[in-house]
Amino acid sequence: MVASLRKSDSIAEQALGVFLDEHFYETLHRRDAGFEYERVHDRKQQLKGMDVIVNYHGNRIVIDEKSALHWINRNLRTFSFELSSLQSGHRDPVPGWLYNANAETNRYLLMWIKTWDIQTGQLKEIPLGEMVPENFKEVECVLVERSKVQRYLSRCGWNEDLLMKRAEEIRRHPDNRQLRRTTNSLIRFAFSENLKERPVNVLIERDVLKAIALHVYTVTNAGIVSVS
C-alpha cells in the first residue's frame, strides 16, 4: 500500500513538474532572458531540497517545490511544514525539511492546486496515479524564502528548539489534542499517524504565507495569468 501511494505521488509530482516547466518557468524565462532554470532529476540532490535550480542574473536560487497534492480543489487555508518524520535507517525521528541542516533550499514554491476534467472543463479531482500535465487547471504558487518562514515562526515565539520539543511531545502524547494548538490562531500542529513516515508538521495560514512571500503567481495553461 505504501509503495503504491509513493508511486501515485511520484506520477502526480512528475506531471506537475512538466506543467510548471512549460507554463511557469518558461514564462519567466521568456519575460526575462536573465532568468535561467534547470529541473533537478538526481535523487541525492532532490533529497537535499533541490527541485529546480535558478540562475537569475548571476544569483543562484535553489527551489524546493511543495504542493498540497492530497488536498486538490479544496481551497485549503493552510500549508504544512514538516518538523520531523520517521525514516528508514533511523531509530529516532529525524528533522523534517523545514529545519533539515543538509537541505540546500533557499526558496520554497508552495502550491495550492485545482484540477479539471479535460473533456468537460469542470473541476474534478483526478487520481494522483492517473494525472497528466493537462489536468492542472490552476496553480497558485507562493514563492517564499525558507529563512523568512523560519523567522516568522520565531517572531511568533516558536524557534527551532521549541518546535522540535513540541513535535516530540505530540509523538509521546498523540491523544492530547491540546498539544496541537497554540495561543496564535495562525499557527497549529498536525500529526499524520496514518502515514509510514508519521510526520509532525507545523501549519501556517495561507494568507500569512502570501503576506511574507517574495511573489504570488497564478498559473494556468495560458502561463502566468497574475502576479503580486
C-alpha atoms as a PDB file:
ATOM      1  CA  MET A   1       0.000   0.000   0.000  1.00  0.00           C
ATOM      2  CA  VAL A   2       2.789   2.411   0.945  1.00  0.00           C
ATOM      3  CA  ALA A   3       4.700   1.583  -2.240  1.00  0.00           C
ATOM      4  CA  SER A   4       1.508   2.164  -4.220  1.00  0.00           C
ATOM      5  CA  LEU A   5       0.989   5.588  -2.615  1.00  0.00           C
ATOM      6  CA  ARG A   6       4.573   6.584  -3.336  1.00  0.00           C
ATOM      7  CA  LYS A   7       4.192   5.551  -6.971  1.00  0.00           C
ATOM      8  CA  SER A   8       0.984   7.566  -7.433  1.00  0.00           C
ATOM      9  CA  ASP A   9       2.524  10.569  -5.662  1.00  0.00           C
ATOM     10  CA  SER A  10       5.549  10.345  -7.955  1.00  0.00           C
ATOM     11  CA  ILE A  11       3.358  10.245 -11.074  1.00  0.00           C
ATOM     12  CA  ALA A  12       1.460  13.349  -9.929  1.00  0.00           C
ATOM     13  CA  GLU A  13       4.665  15.195  -8.984  1.00  0.00           C
ATOM     14  CA  GLN A  14       6.199  14.472 -12.380  1.00  0.00           C
ATOM     15  CA  ALA A  15       3.057  15.706 -14.152  1.00  0.00           C
ATOM     16  CA  LEU A  16       3.089  18.869 -12.041  1.00  0.00           C
ATOM     17  CA  GLY A  17       6.774  19.390 -12.831  1.00  0.00           C
ATOM     18  CA  VAL A  18       6.081  19.222 -16.569  1.00  0.00           C
ATOM     19  CA  PHE A  19       3.185  21.679 -16.163  1.00  0.00           C
ATOM     20  CA  LEU A  20       5.376  24.120 -14.208  1.00  0.00           C
ATOM     21  CA  ASP A  21       8.274  23.878 -16.634  1.00  0.00           C
ATOM     22  CA  GLU A  22       6.034  24.677 -19.594  1.00  0.00           C
ATOM     23  CA  HIS A  23       3.750  27.312 -18.112  1.00  0.00           C
ATOM     24  CA  PHE A  24       5.613  28.828 -15.144  1.00  0.00           C
ATOM     25  CA  TYR A  25       9.381  28.659 -15.511  1.00  0.00           C
ATOM     26  CA  GLU A  26       9.315  29.041 -19.307  1.00  0.00           C
ATOM     27  CA  THR A  27       7.041  32.077 -18.962  1.00  0.00           C
ATOM     28  CA  LEU A  28       9.511  33.672 -16.546  1.00  0.00           C
ATOM     29  CA  HIS A  29      12.363  32.887 -18.939  1.00  0.00           C
ATOM     30  CA  ARG A  30      10.521  34.409 -21.909  1.00  0.00           C
ATOM     31  CA  ARG A  31       9.820  37.565 -19.899  1.00  0.00           C
ATOM     32  CA  ASP A  32      13.422  37.922 -18.747  1.00  0.00           C
ATOM     33  CA  ALA A  33      16.342  36.288 -20.574  1.00  0.00           C
ATOM     34  CA  GLY A  34      18.359  36.661 -17.365  1.00  0.00           C
ATOM     35  CA  PHE A  35      16.130  34.012 -15.773  1.00  0.00           C
ATOM     36  CA  GLU A  36      17.531  30.555 -16.464  1.00  0.00           C
ATOM     37  CA  TYR A  37      16.438  27.332 -14.788  1.00  0.00           C
ATOM     38  CA  GLU A  38      17.223  23.642 -14.618  1.00  0.00           C
ATOM     39  CA  ARG A  39      14.998  20.908 -13.186  1.00  0.00           C
ATOM     40  CA  VAL A  40      16.888  18.512 -10.925  1.00  0.00           C
ATOM     41  CA  HIS A  41      16.437  14.779 -11.579  1.00  0.00           C
ATOM     42  CA  ASP A  42      19.241  13.425  -9.402  1.00  0.00           C
ATOM     43  CA  ARG A  43      17.688  11.717  -6.359  1.00  0.00           C
ATOM     44  CA  LYS A  44      20.505  12.684  -3.975  1.00  0.00           C
ATOM     45  CA  GLN A  45      20.103  16.340  -4.878  1.00  0.00           C
ATOM     46  CA  GLN A  46      16.316  16.102  -4.542  1.00  0.00           C
ATOM     47  CA  LEU A  47      16.768  14.772  -1.007  1.00  0.00           C
ATOM     48  CA  LYS A  48      18.656  17.998  -0.276  1.00  0.00           C
ATOM     49  CA  GLY A  49      15.583  20.002  -1.201  1.00  0.00           C
ATOM     50  CA  MET A  50      16.678  20.770  -4.745  1.00  0.00           C
ATOM     51  CA  ASP A  51      13.866  20.513  -7.300  1.00  0.00           C
ATOM     52  CA  VAL A  52      14.746  23.442  -9.536  1.00  0.00           C
ATOM     53  CA  ILE A  53      17.948  25.491  -9.702  1.00  0.00           C
ATOM     54  CA  VAL A  54      17.509  29.021 -10.992  1.00  0.00           C
ATOM     55  CA  ASN A  55      20.232  31.367 -12.185  1.00  0.00           C
ATOM     56  CA  TYR A  56      18.754  34.839 -12.005  1.00  0.00           C
ATOM     57  CA  HIS A  57      21.201  37.395 -13.349  1.00  0.00           C
ATOM     58  CA  GLY A  58      24.069  35.556 -11.664  1.00  0.00           C
ATOM     59  CA  ASN A  59      22.223  34.745  -8.422  1.00  0.00           C
ATOM     60  CA  ARG A  60      21.797  31.043  -7.646  1.00  0.00           C
ATOM     61  CA  ILE A  61      18.372  30.151  -6.277  1.00  0.00           C
ATOM     62  CA  VAL A  62      17.529  26.630  -5.100  1.00  0.00           C
ATOM     63  CA  ILE A  63      13.810  25.931  -5.119  1.00  0.00           C
ATOM     64  CA  ASP A  64      12.080  23.137  -3.238  1.00  0.00           C
ATOM     65  CA  GLU A  65       8.617  22.632  -4.749  1.00  0.00           C
ATOM     66  CA  LYS A  66       5.944  21.782  -2.183  1.00  0.00           C
ATOM     67  CA  SER A  67       2.392  21.074  -3.277  1.00  0.00           C
ATOM     68  CA  ALA A  68      -0.820  20.140  -1.481  1.00  0.00           C
ATOM     69  CA  LEU A  69      -1.442  17.262  -3.891  1.00  0.00           C
ATOM     70  CA  HIS A  70      -3.608  15.388  -1.395  1.00  0.00           C
ATOM     71  CA  TRP A  71      -5.868  18.419  -0.954  1.00  0.00           C
ATOM     72  CA  ILE A  72      -6.704  19.287  -4.556  1.00  0.00           C
ATOM     73  CA  ASN A  73      -9.751  21.513  -5.246  1.00  0.00           C
ATOM     74  CA  ARG A  74     -10.410  22.013  -1.516  1.00  0.00           C
ATOM     75  CA  ASN A  75      -9.319  25.635  -1.126  1.00  0.00           C
ATOM     76  CA  LEU A  76      -7.031  24.663   1.749  1.00  0.00           C
ATOM     77  CA  ARG A  77      -6.412  27.654   4.020  1.00  0.00           C
ATOM     78  CA  THR A  78      -3.060  26.466   5.427  1.00  0.00           C
ATOM     79  CA  PHE A  79       0.216  24.879   4.361  1.00  0.00           C
ATOM     80  CA  SER A  80       2.098  22.178   6.280  1.00  0.00           C
ATOM     81  CA  PHE A  81       5.824  22.438   7.045  1.00  0.00           C
ATOM     82  CA  GLU A  82       7.475  19.202   8.160  1.00  0.00           C
ATOM     83  CA  LEU A  83       9.214  19.329  11.547  1.00  0.00           C
ATOM     84  CA  SER A  84      10.173  15.675  11.961  1.00  0.00           C
ATOM     85  CA  SER A  85       9.479  12.270  10.457  1.00  0.00           C
ATOM     86  CA  LEU A  86      10.451   8.617  10.671  1.00  0.00           C
ATOM     87  CA  GLN A  87      12.906   7.459   8.022  1.00  0.00           C
ATOM     88  CA  SER A  88      14.413   4.075   7.181  1.00  0.00           C
ATOM     89  CA  GLY A  89      17.799   3.531   8.780  1.00  0.00           C
ATOM     90  CA  HIS A  90      16.968   5.797  11.738  1.00  0.00           C
ATOM     91  CA  ARG A  91      15.522   4.588  15.019  1.00  0.00           C
ATOM     92  CA  ASP A  92      14.513   8.058  16.162  1.00  0.00           C
ATOM     93  CA  PRO A  93      12.636  10.771  14.246  1.00  0.00           C
ATOM     94  CA  VAL A  94      14.818  12.926  12.018  1.00  0.00           C
ATOM     95  CA  PRO A  95      14.429  16.663  11.336  1.00  0.00           C
ATOM     96  CA  GLY A  96      11.890  17.437   8.623  1.00  0.00           C
ATOM     97  CA  TRP A  97      12.598  19.555   5.591  1.00  0.00           C
ATOM     98  CA  LEU A  98      11.894  22.899   7.255  1.00  0.00           C
ATOM     99  CA  TYR A  99      14.948  22.620   9.541  1.00  0.00           C
ATOM    100  CA  ASN A 100      16.981  19.914   7.821  1.00  0.00           C
ATOM    101  CA  ALA A 101      20.581  21.128   8.102  1.00  0.00           C
ATOM    102  CA  ASN A 102      21.547  19.177   4.956  1.00  0.00           C
ATOM    103  CA  ALA A 103      18.968  20.925   2.780  1.00  0.00           C
ATOM    104  CA  GLU A 104      20.337  23.406   0.269  1.00  0.00           C
ATOM    105  CA  THR A 105      16.951  25.033  -0.269  1.00  0.00           C
ATOM    106  CA  ASN A 106      16.739  28.815  -0.065  1.00  0.00           C
ATOM    107  CA  ARG A 107      13.262  29.197  -1.592  1.00  0.00           C
ATOM    108  CA  TYR A 108      10.030  27.233  -1.309  1.00  0.00           C
ATOM    109  CA  LEU A 109       7.467  27.213  -4.081  1.00  0.00           C
ATOM    110  CA  LEU A 110       4.278  26.432  -2.146  1.00  0.00           C
ATOM    111  CA  MET A 111       1.356  25.345  -4.310  1.00  0.00           C
ATOM    112  CA  TRP A 112      -2.403  25.030  -3.983  1.00  0.00           C
ATOM    113  CA  ILE A 113      -3.872  23.158  -6.925  1.00  0.00           C
ATOM    114  CA  LYS A 114      -7.069  22.936  -8.954  1.00  0.00           C
ATOM    115  CA  THR A 115      -7.537  20.115 -11.463  1.00  0.00           C
ATOM    116  CA  TRP A 116     -10.212  19.603 -14.079  1.00  0.00           C
ATOM    117  CA  ASP A 117     -11.724  17.127 -16.474  1.00  0.00           C
ATOM    118  CA  ILE A 118     -10.094  17.964 -19.798  1.00  0.00           C
ATOM    119  CA  GLN A 119     -13.190  16.933 -21.780  1.00  0.00           C
ATOM    120  CA  THR A 120     -15.850  18.812 -19.793  1.00  0.00           C
ATOM    121  CA  GLY A 121     -13.771  21.685 -18.441  1.00  0.00           C
ATOM    122  CA  GLN A 122     -15.281  21.084 -14.999  1.00  0.00           C
ATOM    123  CA  LEU A 123     -13.293  20.915 -11.773  1.00  0.00           C
ATOM    124  CA  LYS A 124     -12.548  17.294 -10.963  1.00  0.00           C
ATOM    125  CA  GLU A 125     -10.226  15.565  -8.518  1.00  0.00           C
ATOM    126  CA  ILE A 126      -8.012  13.337 -10.649  1.00  0.00           C
ATOM    127  CA  PRO A 127      -6.478  10.223  -9.022  1.00  0.00           C
ATOM    128  CA  LEU A 128      -2.802  11.016  -8.470  1.00  0.00           C
ATOM    129  CA  GLY A 129      -1.648   7.896 -10.288  1.00  0.00           C
ATOM    130  CA  GLU A 130      -3.567   8.950 -13.410  1.00  0.00           C
ATOM    131  CA  MET A 131      -2.575  12.599 -13.505  1.00  0.00           C
ATOM    132  CA  VAL A 132      -1.139  14.212 -16.642  1.00  0.00           C
ATOM    133  CA  PRO A 133       0.068  17.820 -17.101  1.00  0.00           C
ATOM    134  CA  GLU A 134      -3.140  18.800 -18.908  1.00  0.00           C
ATOM    135  CA  ASN A 135      -5.182  18.012 -15.781  1.00  0.00           C
ATOM    136  CA  PHE A 136      -3.917  21.110 -13.981  1.00  0.00           C
ATOM    137  CA  LYS A 137      -6.436  23.925 -14.330  1.00  0.00           C
ATOM    138  CA  GLU A 138      -4.907  26.478 -11.958  1.00  0.00           C
ATOM    139  CA  VAL A 139      -1.979  26.503  -9.548  1.00  0.00           C
ATOM    140  CA  GLU A 140      -1.464  29.263  -7.014  1.00  0.00           C
ATOM    141  CA  CYS A 141       2.278  29.463  -6.398  1.00  0.00           C
ATOM    142  CA  VAL A 142       3.714  31.263  -3.389  1.00  0.00           C
ATOM    143  CA  LEU A 143       7.467  31.838  -3.670  1.00  0.00           C
ATOM    144  CA  VAL A 144       8.853  32.408  -0.179  1.00  0.00           C
ATOM    145  CA  GLU A 145      12.312  32.376   1.369  1.00  0.00           C
ATOM    146  CA  ARG A 146      12.943  29.406   3.608  1.00  0.00           C
ATOM    147  CA  SER A 147      14.638  31.651   6.162  1.00  0.00           C
ATOM    148  CA  LYS A 148      11.668  34.005   6.174  1.00  0.00           C
ATOM    149  CA  VAL A 149       9.286  31.192   7.145  1.00  0.00           C
ATOM    150  CA  GLN A 150      11.641  30.277   9.983  1.00  0.00           C
ATOM    151  CA  ARG A 151      11.902  33.901  11.096  1.00  0.00           C
ATOM    152  CA  TYR A 152       8.127  34.291  11.070  1.00  0.00           C
ATOM    153  CA  LEU A 153       7.742  31.300  13.378  1.00  0.00           C
ATOM    154  CA  SER A 154      10.480  32.625  15.635  1.00  0.00           C
ATOM    155  CA  ARG A 155       8.779  36.037  15.889  1.00  0.00           C
ATOM    156  CA  CYS A 156       5.637  34.198  16.940  1.00  0.00           C
ATOM    157  CA  GLY A 157       7.569  32.573  19.803  1.00  0.00           C
ATOM    158  CA  TRP A 158       8.352  29.295  18.032  1.00  0.00           C
ATOM    159  CA  ASN A 159      12.067  28.906  17.349  1.00  0.00           C
ATOM    160  CA  GLU A 160      13.531  25.619  16.085  1.00  0.00           C
ATOM    161  CA  ASP A 161      14.224  24.255  19.568  1.00  0.00           C
ATOM    162  CA  LEU A 162      10.705  24.889  20.842  1.00  0.00           C
ATOM    163  CA  LEU A 163       9.138  23.472  17.686  1.00  0.00           C
ATOM    164  CA  MET A 164      11.155  20.261  17.949  1.00  0.00           C
ATOM    165  CA  LYS A 165      10.260  19.886  21.616  1.00  0.00           C
ATOM    166  CA  ARG A 166       6.581  20.279  20.783  1.00  0.00           C
ATOM    167  CA  ALA A 167       6.915  17.701  17.986  1.00  0.00           C
ATOM    168  CA  GLU A 168       8.417  15.241  20.498  1.00  0.00           C
ATOM    169  CA  GLU A 169       5.579  15.906  22.942  1.00  0.00           C
ATOM    170  CA  ILE A 170       2.999  15.268  20.248  1.00  0.00           C
ATOM    171  CA  ARG A 171       4.621  11.942  19.416  1.00  0.00           C
ATOM    172  CA  ARG A 172       4.680  10.925  23.086  1.00  0.00           C
ATOM    173  CA  HIS A 173       1.092  12.019  23.695  1.00  0.00           C
ATOM    174  CA  PRO A 174      -0.747  11.621  20.365  1.00  0.00           C
ATOM    175  CA  ASP A 175      -4.164  11.683  22.062  1.00  0.00           C
ATOM    176  CA  ASN A 176      -3.569  15.065  23.679  1.00  0.00           C
ATOM    177  CA  ARG A 177      -5.175  17.337  21.090  1.00  0.00           C
ATOM    178  CA  GLN A 178      -4.325  20.403  23.143  1.00  0.00           C
ATOM    179  CA  LEU A 179      -0.678  19.961  22.131  1.00  0.00           C
ATOM    180  CA  ARG A 180      -1.649  20.626  18.527  1.00  0.00           C
ATOM    181  CA  ARG A 181      -2.939  24.105  19.316  1.00  0.00           C
ATOM    182  CA  THR A 182      -1.093  27.320  20.113  1.00  0.00           C
ATOM    183  CA  THR A 183      -2.147  30.668  21.512  1.00  0.00           C
ATOM    184  CA  ASN A 184      -1.678  32.053  17.985  1.00  0.00           C
ATOM    185  CA  SER A 185      -4.688  31.190  15.818  1.00  0.00           C
ATOM    186  CA  LEU A 186      -2.499  31.431  12.696  1.00  0.00           C
ATOM    187  CA  ILE A 187      -0.266  28.518  13.742  1.00  0.00           C
ATOM    188  CA  ARG A 188      -1.091  24.953  14.778  1.00  0.00           C
ATOM    189  CA  PHE A 189       0.342  21.441  14.579  1.00  0.00           C
ATOM    190  CA  ALA A 190      -0.658  18.228  12.797  1.00  0.00           C
ATOM    191  CA  PHE A 191       0.416  14.607  13.278  1.00  0.00           C
ATOM    192  CA  SER A 192      -0.140  12.269  10.298  1.00  0.00           C
ATOM    193  CA  GLU A 193      -0.220   8.979  12.155  1.00  0.00           C
ATOM    194  CA  ASN A 194      -1.664   7.145   9.142  1.00  0.00           C
ATOM    195  CA  LEU A 195       1.460   7.684   7.038  1.00  0.00           C
ATOM    196  CA  LYS A 196       4.512   5.434   7.274  1.00  0.00           C
ATOM    197  CA  GLU A 197       6.785   8.417   7.985  1.00  0.00           C
ATOM    198  CA  ARG A 198       4.390   9.687  10.697  1.00  0.00           C
ATOM    199  CA  PRO A 199       5.394  13.320  10.143  1.00  0.00           C
ATOM    200  CA  VAL A 200       4.697  16.085  12.630  1.00  0.00           C
ATOM    201  CA  ASN A 201       4.012  19.345  10.818  1.00  0.00           C
ATOM    202  CA  VAL A 202       3.502  22.956  11.761  1.00  0.00           C
ATOM    203  CA  LEU A 203       0.647  24.572   9.837  1.00  0.00           C
ATOM    204  CA  ILE A 204       0.747  28.234   8.826  1.00  0.00           C
ATOM    205  CA  GLU A 205      -2.183  30.156   7.396  1.00  0.00           C
ATOM    206  CA  ARG A 206      -2.157  30.647   3.638  1.00  0.00           C
ATOM    207  CA  ASP A 207      -2.766  34.398   3.935  1.00  0.00           C
ATOM    208  CA  VAL A 208       0.260  34.748   6.224  1.00  0.00           C
ATOM    209  CA  LEU A 209       2.470  32.945   3.732  1.00  0.00           C
ATOM    210  CA  LYS A 210       1.236  35.165   0.906  1.00  0.00           C
ATOM    211  CA  ALA A 211       1.972  38.238   3.044  1.00  0.00           C
ATOM    212  CA  ILE A 212       5.615  37.221   3.639  1.00  0.00           C
ATOM    213  CA  ALA A 213       6.176  35.876   0.122  1.00  0.00           C
ATOM    214  CA  LEU A 214       8.510  37.303  -2.483  1.00  0.00           C
ATOM    215  CA  HIS A 215       5.833  36.800  -5.135  1.00  0.00           C
ATOM    216  CA  VAL A 216       2.455  35.127  -5.559  1.00  0.00           C
ATOM    217  CA  TYR A 217       1.677  33.715  -9.004  1.00  0.00           C
ATOM    218  CA  THR A 218      -1.454  32.253 -10.531  1.00  0.00           C
ATOM    219  CA  VAL A 219      -0.508  29.780 -13.248  1.00  0.00           C
ATOM    220  CA  THR A 220      -2.742  28.159 -15.865  1.00  0.00           C
ATOM    221  CA  ASN A 221      -2.137  26.535 -19.232  1.00  0.00           C
ATOM    222  CA  ALA A 222      -2.063  30.097 -20.591  1.00  0.00           C
ATOM    223  CA  GLY A 223       1.039  30.778 -18.493  1.00  0.00           C
ATOM    224  CA  ILE A 224       1.308  33.162 -15.551  1.00  0.00           C
ATOM    225  CA  VAL A 225      -2.022  34.987 -15.541  1.00  0.00           C
ATOM    226  CA  SER A 226      -1.399  37.087 -12.428  1.00  0.00           C
ATOM    227  CA  VAL A 227       1.494  38.023 -10.164  1.00  0.00           C
ATOM    228  CA  SER A 228       1.700  40.067  -6.979  1.00  0.00           C
END
